[in-house]
Amino acid sequence: MNKKDVILQTATKLFARKGFRYTSMAELSRITGAAEGTIFYHFKTKQDIFLEILKTVKEDILSEFARYSAERTFATGLEMMEGAISFYLYLAGIREDLFMLLHRRYPYELAEVNAVCRKHLESIFNCFVDIFEQAIVKGQADGSIAAMPARKTAILILTMVDGLVRFKIYNLYDAGALFNELIASCRRMLENKPVTQ
């Protein structure tokens, strides 16, 4: 791993655990073994490091999802949705620092005044919504998912799944313990059930 990647990886961990404001460049330098001058050679400011982290997240998500999907086949859109939910929980488990960072207040405060940050955050969350929406559209095409607004429903499901991830990240509740209930709730919400008289 090159020095720039080490700086980004370490900064992600520090920003996630301590917060952006409480992470110093001196601490980042000490932990990475890179002189502050080296850090500033790669990134002009601490905020530039933060923005670079956000910039790479979408590509990482898409790459991980492609790898995850390549190992599985989904007969229906409903199965694909269950796979997408599993993927989100899996990703939150292997990239906990990233999700902890995304759940902090600072990114959203910065997004209010920084268009680049807002663009990156929208891109990250739209990437997840797109994954859920694709499953809904596939399910509506194959008849496994009822007719409903695909985008809005995808946003609702992301909100529900991400809420469970927040509980897990902050050690309030084990997300795995609710996995079956989460899948069952989503299935009830989405399933195309025949109308009975």
N, C-alpha and C. Protein backbone atom coordinates (compact mmCIF):
# COMPACT_ATOMS: atom_id res chain seq x y z
N MET A 1 0.85 -1.17 0.00
CA MET A 1 0.00 0.00 0.00
C MET A 1 0.90 1.24 0.00
N ASN A 2 0.59 2.20 -0.88
CA ASN A 2 1.43 3.39 -0.94
C ASN A 2 1.10 4.35 0.20
N LYS A 3 1.95 5.34 0.41
CA LYS A 3 1.83 6.27 1.54
C LYS A 3 0.50 7.02 1.52
N LYS A 4 0.06 7.42 0.33
CA LYS A 4 -1.20 8.16 0.22
C LYS A 4 -2.37 7.30 0.70
N ASP A 5 -2.38 6.03 0.31
CA ASP A 5 -3.44 5.12 0.75
C ASP A 5 -3.39 4.88 2.25
N VAL A 6 -2.19 4.78 2.80
CA VAL A 6 -2.04 4.61 4.25
C VAL A 6 -2.60 5.83 4.98
N ILE A 7 -2.32 7.01 4.45
CA ILE A 7 -2.83 8.25 5.06
C ILE A 7 -4.36 8.24 5.02
N LEU A 8 -4.94 7.89 3.87
CA LEU A 8 -6.41 7.88 3.74
C LEU A 8 -7.05 6.84 4.67
N GLN A 9 -6.46 5.66 4.72
CA GLN A 9 -7.01 4.60 5.57
C GLN A 9 -6.95 4.99 7.05
N THR A 10 -5.83 5.54 7.46
CA THR A 10 -5.67 5.95 8.85
C THR A 10 -6.57 7.13 9.17
N ALA A 11 -6.66 8.08 8.26
CA ALA A 11 -7.54 9.24 8.48
C ALA A 11 -9.00 8.80 8.59
N THR A 12 -9.41 7.84 7.78
CA THR A 12 -10.78 7.33 7.85
C THR A 12 -11.06 6.81 9.26
N LYS A 13 -10.13 6.01 9.77
CA LYS A 13 -10.29 5.43 11.11
C LYS A 13 -10.34 6.53 12.17
N LEU A 14 -9.44 7.49 12.08
CA LEU A 14 -9.40 8.57 13.07
C LEU A 14 -10.65 9.45 12.99
N PHE A 15 -11.04 9.84 11.78
CA PHE A 15 -12.23 10.68 11.63
C PHE A 15 -13.47 9.95 12.14
N ALA A 16 -13.53 8.65 11.90
CA ALA A 16 -14.69 7.86 12.34
C ALA A 16 -14.72 7.74 13.86
N ARG A 17 -13.58 7.47 14.47
CA ARG A 17 -13.53 7.20 15.90
C ARG A 17 -13.50 8.48 16.74
N LYS A 18 -12.74 9.48 16.30
CA LYS A 18 -12.57 10.69 17.10
C LYS A 18 -13.37 11.88 16.59
N GLY A 19 -13.75 11.82 15.32
CA GLY A 19 -14.40 12.97 14.70
C GLY A 19 -13.40 13.81 13.95
N PHE A 20 -13.87 14.52 12.96
CA PHE A 20 -13.00 15.35 12.13
C PHE A 20 -12.29 16.42 12.96
N ARG A 21 -13.06 17.13 13.77
CA ARG A 21 -12.49 18.25 14.53
C ARG A 21 -11.44 17.82 15.54
N TYR A 22 -11.57 16.63 16.09
CA TYR A 22 -10.67 16.18 17.15
C TYR A 22 -9.51 15.33 16.63
N THR A 23 -9.39 15.23 15.32
CA THR A 23 -8.28 14.52 14.71
C THR A 23 -7.25 15.56 14.26
N SER A 24 -6.05 15.46 14.79
CA SER A 24 -5.01 16.43 14.41
C SER A 24 -4.10 15.85 13.34
N MET A 25 -3.53 16.73 12.58
CA MET A 25 -2.58 16.31 11.56
C MET A 25 -1.32 15.72 12.22
N ALA A 26 -0.97 16.22 13.40
CA ALA A 26 0.19 15.68 14.11
C ALA A 26 -0.06 14.21 14.48
N GLU A 27 -1.27 13.90 14.92
CA GLU A 27 -1.61 12.52 15.27
C GLU A 27 -1.61 11.64 14.02
N LEU A 28 -2.17 12.14 12.94
CA LEU A 28 -2.18 11.40 11.67
C LEU A 28 -0.75 11.12 11.23
N SER A 29 0.11 12.11 11.36
CA SER A 29 1.53 11.97 11.00
C SER A 29 2.20 10.91 11.87
N ARG A 30 1.95 10.97 13.17
CA ARG A 30 2.57 10.02 14.11
C ARG A 30 2.15 8.58 13.81
N ILE A 31 0.87 8.37 13.57
CA ILE A 31 0.36 7.01 13.36
C ILE A 31 0.82 6.44 12.02
N THR A 32 0.81 7.27 10.98
CA THR A 32 1.19 6.78 9.64
C THR A 32 2.69 6.73 9.43
N GLY A 33 3.43 7.48 10.26
CA GLY A 33 4.87 7.57 10.06
C GLY A 33 5.23 8.52 8.92
N ALA A 34 4.25 9.24 8.41
CA ALA A 34 4.49 10.22 7.34
C ALA A 34 4.66 11.59 7.97
N ALA A 35 5.68 12.29 7.55
CA ALA A 35 5.87 13.66 8.05
C ALA A 35 4.67 14.51 7.63
N GLU A 36 4.36 15.51 8.45
CA GLU A 36 3.23 16.39 8.11
C GLU A 36 3.41 17.00 6.72
N GLY A 37 4.66 17.30 6.37
CA GLY A 37 4.94 17.83 5.03
C GLY A 37 4.54 16.86 3.94
N THR A 38 4.77 15.58 4.18
CA THR A 38 4.37 14.54 3.21
C THR A 38 2.86 14.49 3.08
N ILE A 39 2.18 14.58 4.21
CA ILE A 39 0.71 14.57 4.19
C ILE A 39 0.21 15.76 3.38
N PHE A 40 0.79 16.93 3.65
CA PHE A 40 0.36 18.13 2.93
C PHE A 40 0.82 18.14 1.48
N TYR A 41 1.80 17.31 1.15
CA TYR A 41 2.19 17.15 -0.25
C TYR A 41 1.05 16.46 -1.02
N HIS A 42 0.46 15.44 -0.40
CA HIS A 42 -0.63 14.70 -1.03
C HIS A 42 -1.98 15.42 -0.92
N PHE A 43 -2.19 16.12 0.19
CA PHE A 43 -3.47 16.80 0.45
C PHE A 43 -3.18 18.18 1.02
N LYS A 44 -3.78 19.19 0.45
CA LYS A 44 -3.49 20.56 0.88
C LYS A 44 -4.00 20.85 2.28
N THR A 45 -5.16 20.26 2.64
CA THR A 45 -5.75 20.53 3.95
C THR A 45 -6.34 19.24 4.52
N LYS A 46 -6.67 19.30 5.80
CA LYS A 46 -7.33 18.17 6.44
C LYS A 46 -8.69 17.93 5.77
N GLN A 47 -9.35 18.98 5.39
CA GLN A 47 -10.64 18.85 4.70
C GLN A 47 -10.47 18.15 3.35
N ASP A 48 -9.37 18.39 2.66
CA ASP A 48 -9.10 17.69 1.39
C ASP A 48 -8.96 16.18 1.61
N ILE A 49 -8.37 15.80 2.73
CA ILE A 49 -8.27 14.37 3.05
C ILE A 49 -9.68 13.80 3.21
N PHE A 50 -10.50 14.51 3.95
CA PHE A 50 -11.88 14.07 4.19
C PHE A 50 -12.64 13.92 2.87
N LEU A 51 -12.53 14.90 2.01
CA LEU A 51 -13.22 14.87 0.71
C LEU A 51 -12.71 13.73 -0.17
N GLU A 52 -11.42 13.46 -0.10
CA GLU A 52 -10.85 12.35 -0.88
C GLU A 52 -11.39 11.01 -0.39
N ILE A 53 -11.55 10.88 0.92
CA ILE A 53 -12.15 9.66 1.47
C ILE A 53 -13.55 9.47 0.89
N LEU A 54 -14.36 10.51 0.94
CA LEU A 54 -15.73 10.42 0.42
C LEU A 54 -15.73 10.11 -1.08
N LYS A 55 -14.80 10.69 -1.79
CA LYS A 55 -14.74 10.50 -3.25
C LYS A 55 -14.52 9.04 -3.62
N THR A 56 -13.72 8.34 -2.86
CA THR A 56 -13.40 6.95 -3.19
C THR A 56 -14.46 5.95 -2.73
N VAL A 57 -15.34 6.39 -1.86
CA VAL A 57 -16.32 5.47 -1.28
C VAL A 57 -17.24 4.86 -2.33
N LYS A 58 -17.78 5.66 -3.24
CA LYS A 58 -18.72 5.13 -4.23
C LYS A 58 -18.07 4.04 -5.08
N GLU A 59 -16.85 4.28 -5.54
CA GLU A 59 -16.17 3.27 -6.35
C GLU A 59 -15.96 1.99 -5.54
N ASP A 60 -15.62 2.15 -4.26
CA ASP A 60 -15.45 0.99 -3.39
C ASP A 60 -16.75 0.20 -3.24
N ILE A 61 -17.86 0.92 -3.07
CA ILE A 61 -19.17 0.27 -2.91
C ILE A 61 -19.50 -0.52 -4.17
N LEU A 62 -19.37 0.13 -5.32
CA LEU A 62 -19.70 -0.54 -6.58
C LEU A 62 -18.81 -1.75 -6.82
N SER A 63 -17.56 -1.62 -6.49
CA SER A 63 -16.62 -2.73 -6.66
C SER A 63 -16.99 -3.89 -5.74
N GLU A 64 -17.28 -3.59 -4.49
CA GLU A 64 -17.68 -4.63 -3.54
C GLU A 64 -18.99 -5.28 -3.96
N PHE A 65 -19.95 -4.47 -4.43
CA PHE A 65 -21.25 -5.03 -4.83
C PHE A 65 -21.10 -5.92 -6.07
N ALA A 66 -20.25 -5.52 -7.00
CA ALA A 66 -20.01 -6.34 -8.19
C ALA A 66 -19.42 -7.69 -7.79
N ARG A 67 -18.47 -7.66 -6.87
CA ARG A 67 -17.85 -8.90 -6.38
C ARG A 67 -18.89 -9.76 -5.64
N TYR A 68 -19.69 -9.13 -4.80
CA TYR A 68 -20.72 -9.83 -4.04
C TYR A 68 -21.75 -10.46 -4.97
N SER A 69 -22.20 -9.69 -5.96
CA SER A 69 -23.23 -10.17 -6.90
C SER A 69 -22.71 -11.28 -7.80
N ALA A 70 -21.43 -11.22 -8.15
CA ALA A 70 -20.85 -12.23 -9.04
C ALA A 70 -20.87 -13.62 -8.40
N GLU A 71 -20.87 -13.66 -7.08
CA GLU A 71 -20.86 -14.93 -6.36
C GLU A 71 -22.27 -15.48 -6.12
N ARG A 72 -23.31 -14.74 -6.53
CA ARG A 72 -24.68 -15.14 -6.25
C ARG A 72 -25.56 -14.98 -7.47
N THR A 73 -26.62 -15.75 -7.52
CA THR A 73 -27.63 -15.56 -8.55
C THR A 73 -28.97 -15.37 -7.85
N PHE A 74 -29.79 -14.52 -8.43
CA PHE A 74 -31.09 -14.21 -7.85
C PHE A 74 -32.17 -14.53 -8.88
N ALA A 75 -33.05 -15.45 -8.53
CA ALA A 75 -34.12 -15.86 -9.45
C ALA A 75 -35.17 -14.78 -9.61
N THR A 76 -35.37 -13.99 -8.54
CA THR A 76 -36.40 -12.95 -8.59
C THR A 76 -35.86 -11.64 -8.03
N GLY A 77 -36.59 -10.59 -8.28
CA GLY A 77 -36.23 -9.30 -7.71
C GLY A 77 -36.33 -9.30 -6.19
N LEU A 78 -37.29 -10.05 -5.65
CA LEU A 78 -37.42 -10.16 -4.20
C LEU A 78 -36.18 -10.82 -3.59
N GLU A 79 -35.68 -11.86 -4.25
CA GLU A 79 -34.43 -12.49 -3.79
C GLU A 79 -33.27 -11.51 -3.92
N MET A 80 -33.27 -10.74 -5.00
CA MET A 80 -32.20 -9.75 -5.21
C MET A 80 -32.24 -8.70 -4.10
N MET A 81 -33.44 -8.30 -3.67
CA MET A 81 -33.56 -7.34 -2.57
C MET A 81 -32.98 -7.93 -1.29
N GLU A 82 -33.30 -9.18 -1.01
CA GLU A 82 -32.75 -9.81 0.19
C GLU A 82 -31.23 -9.86 0.10
N GLY A 83 -30.71 -10.12 -1.11
CA GLY A 83 -29.26 -10.10 -1.32
C GLY A 83 -28.68 -8.71 -1.13
N ALA A 84 -29.38 -7.69 -1.59
CA ALA A 84 -28.91 -6.31 -1.45
C ALA A 84 -28.87 -5.90 0.02
N ILE A 85 -29.88 -6.31 0.78
CA ILE A 85 -29.90 -6.02 2.21
C ILE A 85 -28.74 -6.74 2.90
N SER A 86 -28.54 -8.00 2.56
CA SER A 86 -27.42 -8.76 3.12
C SER A 86 -26.09 -8.09 2.78
N PHE A 87 -25.98 -7.61 1.53
CA PHE A 87 -24.76 -6.93 1.10
C PHE A 87 -24.51 -5.68 1.95
N TYR A 88 -25.55 -4.89 2.18
CA TYR A 88 -25.40 -3.66 2.97
C TYR A 88 -24.89 -3.99 4.37
N LEU A 89 -25.48 -4.99 4.99
CA LEU A 89 -25.07 -5.38 6.34
C LEU A 89 -23.65 -5.95 6.33
N TYR A 90 -23.32 -6.72 5.30
CA TYR A 90 -21.97 -7.26 5.13
C TYR A 90 -20.96 -6.13 4.99
N LEU A 91 -21.27 -5.17 4.12
CA LEU A 91 -20.36 -4.04 3.90
C LEU A 91 -20.18 -3.22 5.17
N ALA A 92 -21.27 -3.00 5.90
CA ALA A 92 -21.18 -2.26 7.16
C ALA A 92 -20.30 -3.01 8.17
N GLY A 93 -20.28 -4.32 8.07
CA GLY A 93 -19.44 -5.12 8.97
C GLY A 93 -17.98 -5.05 8.62
N ILE A 94 -17.66 -5.10 7.33
CA ILE A 94 -16.23 -5.10 6.94
C ILE A 94 -15.66 -3.69 6.82
N ARG A 95 -16.54 -2.70 6.70
CA ARG A 95 -16.09 -1.30 6.58
C ARG A 95 -16.72 -0.44 7.69
N GLU A 96 -16.65 -0.94 8.91
CA GLU A 96 -17.30 -0.26 10.03
C GLU A 96 -16.86 1.19 10.17
N ASP A 97 -15.55 1.44 10.00
CA ASP A 97 -15.06 2.82 10.14
C ASP A 97 -15.71 3.75 9.13
N LEU A 98 -15.89 3.27 7.93
CA LEU A 98 -16.53 4.09 6.90
C LEU A 98 -17.97 4.42 7.30
N PHE A 99 -18.71 3.43 7.74
CA PHE A 99 -20.09 3.68 8.14
C PHE A 99 -20.17 4.57 9.37
N MET A 100 -19.24 4.39 10.29
CA MET A 100 -19.20 5.26 11.47
C MET A 100 -18.94 6.70 11.03
N LEU A 101 -18.05 6.87 10.06
CA LEU A 101 -17.76 8.20 9.53
C LEU A 101 -19.01 8.81 8.89
N LEU A 102 -19.72 8.00 8.11
CA LEU A 102 -20.93 8.50 7.44
C LEU A 102 -22.06 8.80 8.43
N HIS A 103 -22.00 8.25 9.62
CA HIS A 103 -23.04 8.49 10.61
C HIS A 103 -22.70 9.65 11.55
N ARG A 104 -21.56 10.24 11.37
CA ARG A 104 -21.20 11.42 12.17
C ARG A 104 -21.87 12.66 11.62
N ARG A 105 -21.94 13.68 12.43
CA ARG A 105 -22.62 14.93 12.04
C ARG A 105 -21.78 15.77 11.06
N TYR A 106 -20.47 15.71 11.20
CA TYR A 106 -19.60 16.59 10.43
C TYR A 106 -19.83 16.52 8.91
N PRO A 107 -19.94 15.35 8.29
CA PRO A 107 -20.10 15.35 6.84
C PRO A 107 -21.31 16.16 6.36
N TYR A 108 -22.37 16.15 7.15
CA TYR A 108 -23.60 16.83 6.75
C TYR A 108 -23.52 18.33 7.02
N GLU A 109 -22.79 18.70 8.07
CA GLU A 109 -22.53 20.12 8.31
C GLU A 109 -21.68 20.69 7.17
N LEU A 110 -20.65 19.94 6.78
CA LEU A 110 -19.79 20.39 5.69
C LEU A 110 -20.57 20.45 4.39
N ALA A 111 -21.44 19.49 4.16
CA ALA A 111 -22.23 19.45 2.92
C ALA A 111 -23.13 20.67 2.77
N GLU A 112 -23.52 21.28 3.89
CA GLU A 112 -24.35 22.49 3.83
C GLU A 112 -23.61 23.68 3.21
N VAL A 113 -22.29 23.68 3.33
CA VAL A 113 -21.50 24.82 2.84
C VAL A 113 -20.50 24.44 1.75
N ASN A 114 -20.36 23.15 1.48
CA ASN A 114 -19.36 22.69 0.53
C ASN A 114 -20.05 21.81 -0.52
N ALA A 115 -20.17 22.31 -1.72
CA ALA A 115 -20.87 21.60 -2.80
C ALA A 115 -20.19 20.27 -3.16
N VAL A 116 -18.88 20.21 -3.06
CA VAL A 116 -18.15 18.97 -3.38
C VAL A 116 -18.51 17.88 -2.37
N CYS A 117 -18.54 18.24 -1.11
CA CYS A 117 -18.91 17.28 -0.07
C CYS A 117 -20.34 16.80 -0.29
N ARG A 118 -21.25 17.73 -0.57
CA ARG A 118 -22.65 17.37 -0.80
C ARG A 118 -22.76 16.39 -1.98
N LYS A 119 -22.02 16.68 -3.04
CA LYS A 119 -22.04 15.81 -4.22
C LYS A 119 -21.56 14.40 -3.88
N HIS A 120 -20.49 14.31 -3.09
CA HIS A 120 -19.97 13.00 -2.70
C HIS A 120 -20.97 12.24 -1.83
N LEU A 121 -21.57 12.91 -0.86
CA LEU A 121 -22.54 12.24 0.02
C LEU A 121 -23.76 11.77 -0.77
N GLU A 122 -24.26 12.64 -1.65
CA GLU A 122 -25.41 12.24 -2.48
C GLU A 122 -25.05 11.04 -3.35
N SER A 123 -23.86 11.05 -3.88
CA SER A 123 -23.40 9.96 -4.73
C SER A 123 -23.32 8.65 -3.96
N ILE A 124 -22.82 8.70 -2.73
CA ILE A 124 -22.71 7.50 -1.90
C ILE A 124 -24.09 6.92 -1.61
N PHE A 125 -25.00 7.76 -1.13
CA PHE A 125 -26.32 7.26 -0.76
C PHE A 125 -27.15 6.90 -1.99
N ASN A 126 -26.98 7.63 -3.08
CA ASN A 126 -27.68 7.26 -4.31
C ASN A 126 -27.21 5.90 -4.82
N CYS A 127 -25.95 5.60 -4.60
CA CYS A 127 -25.41 4.30 -5.01
C CYS A 127 -26.16 3.17 -4.29
N PHE A 128 -26.36 3.32 -3.00
CA PHE A 128 -27.12 2.31 -2.24
C PHE A 128 -28.58 2.28 -2.68
N VAL A 129 -29.18 3.44 -2.84
CA VAL A 129 -30.58 3.49 -3.26
C VAL A 129 -30.72 2.83 -4.63
N ASP A 130 -29.78 3.08 -5.53
CA ASP A 130 -29.82 2.47 -6.87
C ASP A 130 -29.81 0.94 -6.78
N ILE A 131 -28.99 0.39 -5.88
CA ILE A 131 -28.92 -1.06 -5.72
C ILE A 131 -30.28 -1.61 -5.29
N PHE A 132 -30.90 -0.97 -4.31
CA PHE A 132 -32.22 -1.41 -3.85
C PHE A 132 -33.28 -1.20 -4.92
N GLU A 133 -33.19 -0.08 -5.62
CA GLU A 133 -34.18 0.21 -6.67
C GLU A 133 -34.10 -0.81 -7.81
N GLN A 134 -32.89 -1.20 -8.18
CA GLN A 134 -32.74 -2.21 -9.24
C GLN A 134 -33.45 -3.51 -8.87
N ALA A 135 -33.36 -3.89 -7.61
CA ALA A 135 -34.03 -5.11 -7.16
C ALA A 135 -35.55 -4.95 -7.25
N ILE A 136 -36.05 -3.78 -6.87
CA ILE A 136 -37.50 -3.53 -6.93
C ILE A 136 -37.99 -3.56 -8.37
N VAL A 137 -37.27 -2.90 -9.26
CA VAL A 137 -37.66 -2.87 -10.67
C VAL A 137 -37.64 -4.29 -11.26
N LYS A 138 -36.60 -5.05 -10.93
CA LYS A 138 -36.52 -6.44 -11.40
C LYS A 138 -37.71 -7.24 -10.86
N GLY A 139 -38.02 -7.05 -9.58
CA GLY A 139 -39.12 -7.77 -8.97
C GLY A 139 -40.48 -7.39 -9.54
N GLN A 140 -40.63 -6.13 -9.89
CA GLN A 140 -41.88 -5.72 -10.52
C GLN A 140 -42.00 -6.33 -11.91
N ALA A 141 -40.88 -6.45 -12.60
CA ALA A 141 -40.88 -7.06 -13.94
C ALA A 141 -41.18 -8.56 -13.87
N ASP A 142 -40.65 -9.25 -12.84
CA ASP A 142 -40.88 -10.70 -12.76
C ASP A 142 -42.10 -11.07 -11.93
N GLY A 143 -42.77 -10.06 -11.34
CA GLY A 143 -43.99 -10.31 -10.59
C GLY A 143 -43.80 -10.65 -9.13
N SER A 144 -42.57 -10.65 -8.63
CA SER A 144 -42.34 -10.98 -7.22
C SER A 144 -42.54 -9.79 -6.29
N ILE A 145 -42.52 -8.58 -6.85
CA ILE A 145 -42.70 -7.36 -6.06
C ILE A 145 -43.89 -6.58 -6.61
N ALA A 146 -44.71 -6.10 -5.70
CA ALA A 146 -45.93 -5.38 -6.06
C ALA A 146 -45.60 -4.03 -6.72
N ALA A 147 -46.59 -3.49 -7.41
CA ALA A 147 -46.44 -2.17 -8.02
C ALA A 147 -46.39 -1.13 -6.90
N MET A 148 -45.36 -0.33 -6.92
CA MET A 148 -45.16 0.74 -5.94
C MET A 148 -44.07 1.65 -6.49
N PRO A 149 -43.96 2.87 -5.98
CA PRO A 149 -42.90 3.75 -6.46
C PRO A 149 -41.52 3.18 -6.09
N ALA A 150 -40.78 2.73 -7.08
CA ALA A 150 -39.53 2.00 -6.84
C ALA A 150 -38.50 2.85 -6.09
N ARG A 151 -38.29 4.09 -6.50
CA ARG A 151 -37.25 4.92 -5.89
C ARG A 151 -37.59 5.24 -4.43
N LYS A 152 -38.83 5.66 -4.19
CA LYS A 152 -39.22 6.01 -2.82
C LYS A 152 -39.16 4.78 -1.91
N THR A 153 -39.58 3.65 -2.42
CA THR A 153 -39.54 2.42 -1.62
C THR A 153 -38.10 2.03 -1.33
N ALA A 154 -37.21 2.20 -2.30
CA ALA A 154 -35.80 1.90 -2.10
C ALA A 154 -35.21 2.79 -1.00
N ILE A 155 -35.61 4.05 -0.98
CA ILE A 155 -35.14 4.98 0.06
C ILE A 155 -35.64 4.53 1.44
N LEU A 156 -36.89 4.12 1.52
CA LEU A 156 -37.44 3.65 2.79
C LEU A 156 -36.70 2.41 3.30
N ILE A 157 -36.41 1.50 2.40
CA ILE A 157 -35.69 0.29 2.80
C ILE A 157 -34.27 0.63 3.24
N LEU A 158 -33.60 1.52 2.51
CA LEU A 158 -32.26 1.94 2.91
C LEU A 158 -32.31 2.56 4.31
N THR A 159 -33.31 3.37 4.58
CA THR A 159 -33.44 4.02 5.88
C THR A 159 -33.59 2.97 6.98
N MET A 160 -34.39 1.96 6.74
CA MET A 160 -34.62 0.91 7.72
C MET A 160 -33.33 0.11 7.96
N VAL A 161 -32.67 -0.28 6.89
CA VAL A 161 -31.45 -1.09 7.01
C VAL A 161 -30.33 -0.27 7.66
N ASP A 162 -30.18 0.97 7.25
CA ASP A 162 -29.13 1.82 7.80
C ASP A 162 -29.37 2.12 9.28
N GLY A 163 -30.64 2.24 9.67
CA GLY A 163 -30.95 2.44 11.08
C GLY A 163 -30.46 1.28 11.92
N LEU A 164 -30.61 0.07 11.41
CA LEU A 164 -30.14 -1.12 12.11
C LEU A 164 -28.61 -1.12 12.19
N VAL A 165 -27.96 -0.67 11.12
CA VAL A 165 -26.50 -0.56 11.11
C VAL A 165 -26.03 0.43 12.18
N ARG A 166 -26.75 1.54 12.32
CA ARG A 166 -26.39 2.53 13.35
C ARG A 166 -26.42 1.90 14.74
N PHE A 167 -27.48 1.12 15.02
CA PHE A 167 -27.56 0.44 16.31
C PHE A 167 -26.34 -0.44 16.53
N LYS A 168 -25.93 -1.17 15.50
CA LYS A 168 -24.79 -2.07 15.60
C LYS A 168 -23.49 -1.30 15.81
N ILE A 169 -23.28 -0.26 15.03
CA ILE A 169 -22.03 0.51 15.11
C ILE A 169 -21.85 1.12 16.49
N TYR A 170 -22.93 1.62 17.06
CA TYR A 170 -22.83 2.26 18.37
C TYR A 170 -23.13 1.30 19.52
N ASN A 171 -23.05 -0.01 19.21
CA ASN A 171 -23.19 -1.07 20.22
C ASN A 171 -24.48 -0.97 21.03
N LEU A 172 -25.55 -0.57 20.36
CA LEU A 172 -26.85 -0.49 21.03
C LEU A 172 -27.64 -1.78 20.84
N TYR A 173 -27.44 -2.42 19.69
CA TYR A 173 -28.18 -3.65 19.41
C TYR A 173 -27.44 -4.42 18.33
N ASP A 174 -27.46 -5.72 18.41
CA ASP A 174 -26.78 -6.56 17.43
C ASP A 174 -27.65 -6.69 16.18
N ALA A 175 -27.18 -6.13 15.07
CA ALA A 175 -27.93 -6.16 13.82
C ALA A 175 -28.22 -7.59 13.36
N GLY A 176 -27.29 -8.48 13.61
CA GLY A 176 -27.47 -9.87 13.20
C GLY A 176 -28.66 -10.53 13.88
N ALA A 177 -28.94 -10.11 15.10
CA ALA A 177 -30.05 -10.70 15.84
C ALA A 177 -31.40 -10.34 15.24
N LEU A 178 -31.45 -9.28 14.45
CA LEU A 178 -32.70 -8.85 13.83
C LEU A 178 -32.74 -9.12 12.33
N PHE A 179 -31.74 -9.80 11.81
CA PHE A 179 -31.66 -10.01 10.36
C PHE A 179 -32.92 -10.69 9.81
N ASN A 180 -33.33 -11.79 10.40
CA ASN A 180 -34.50 -12.51 9.88
C ASN A 180 -35.76 -11.66 9.94
N GLU A 181 -35.93 -10.88 11.01
CA GLU A 181 -37.09 -10.00 11.14
C GLU A 181 -37.04 -8.88 10.11
N LEU A 182 -35.84 -8.37 9.86
CA LEU A 182 -35.68 -7.32 8.85
C LEU A 182 -36.07 -7.85 7.47
N ILE A 183 -35.59 -9.02 7.11
CA ILE A 183 -35.92 -9.62 5.82
C ILE A 183 -37.42 -9.88 5.72
N ALA A 184 -38.01 -10.41 6.79
CA ALA A 184 -39.45 -10.70 6.79
C ALA A 184 -40.26 -9.41 6.63
N SER A 185 -39.85 -8.34 7.30
CA SER A 185 -40.55 -7.05 7.18
C SER A 185 -40.47 -6.51 5.76
N CYS A 186 -39.29 -6.58 5.17
CA CYS A 186 -39.12 -6.10 3.80
C CYS A 186 -39.94 -6.96 2.83
N ARG A 187 -39.94 -8.24 3.06
CA ARG A 187 -40.72 -9.15 2.20
C ARG A 187 -42.21 -8.79 2.28
N ARG A 188 -42.72 -8.58 3.50
CA ARG A 188 -44.14 -8.21 3.65
C ARG A 188 -44.44 -6.88 2.94
N MET A 189 -43.50 -5.97 3.03
CA MET A 189 -43.67 -4.65 2.42
C MET A 189 -43.69 -4.73 0.89
N LEU A 190 -42.89 -5.62 0.34
CA LEU A 190 -42.67 -5.67 -1.11
C LEU A 190 -43.48 -6.71 -1.86
N GLU A 191 -43.76 -7.82 -1.22
CA GLU A 191 -44.33 -8.97 -1.93
C GLU A 191 -45.60 -8.64 -2.72
N ASN A 192 -45.65 -9.21 -3.89
CA ASN A 192 -46.82 -9.07 -4.75
C ASN A 192 -47.79 -10.18 -4.37
N LYS A 193 -48.77 -9.84 -3.54
CA LYS A 193 -49.71 -10.85 -3.06
C LYS A 193 -50.99 -10.78 -3.87
N PRO A 194 -51.54 -11.93 -4.23
CA PRO A 194 -52.79 -11.90 -4.95
C PRO A 194 -53.92 -11.35 -4.06
N VAL A 195 -54.79 -10.61 -4.69
CA VAL A 195 -55.92 -10.03 -3.95
C VAL A 195 -56.95 -11.13 -3.71
N THR A 196 -57.36 -11.28 -2.45
CA THR A 196 -58.38 -12.28 -2.12
C THR A 196 -59.70 -11.59 -1.88
N GLN A 197 -60.76 -12.26 -2.26
CA GLN A 197 -62.11 -11.70 -2.09
C GLN A 197 -62.75 -12.23 -0.86
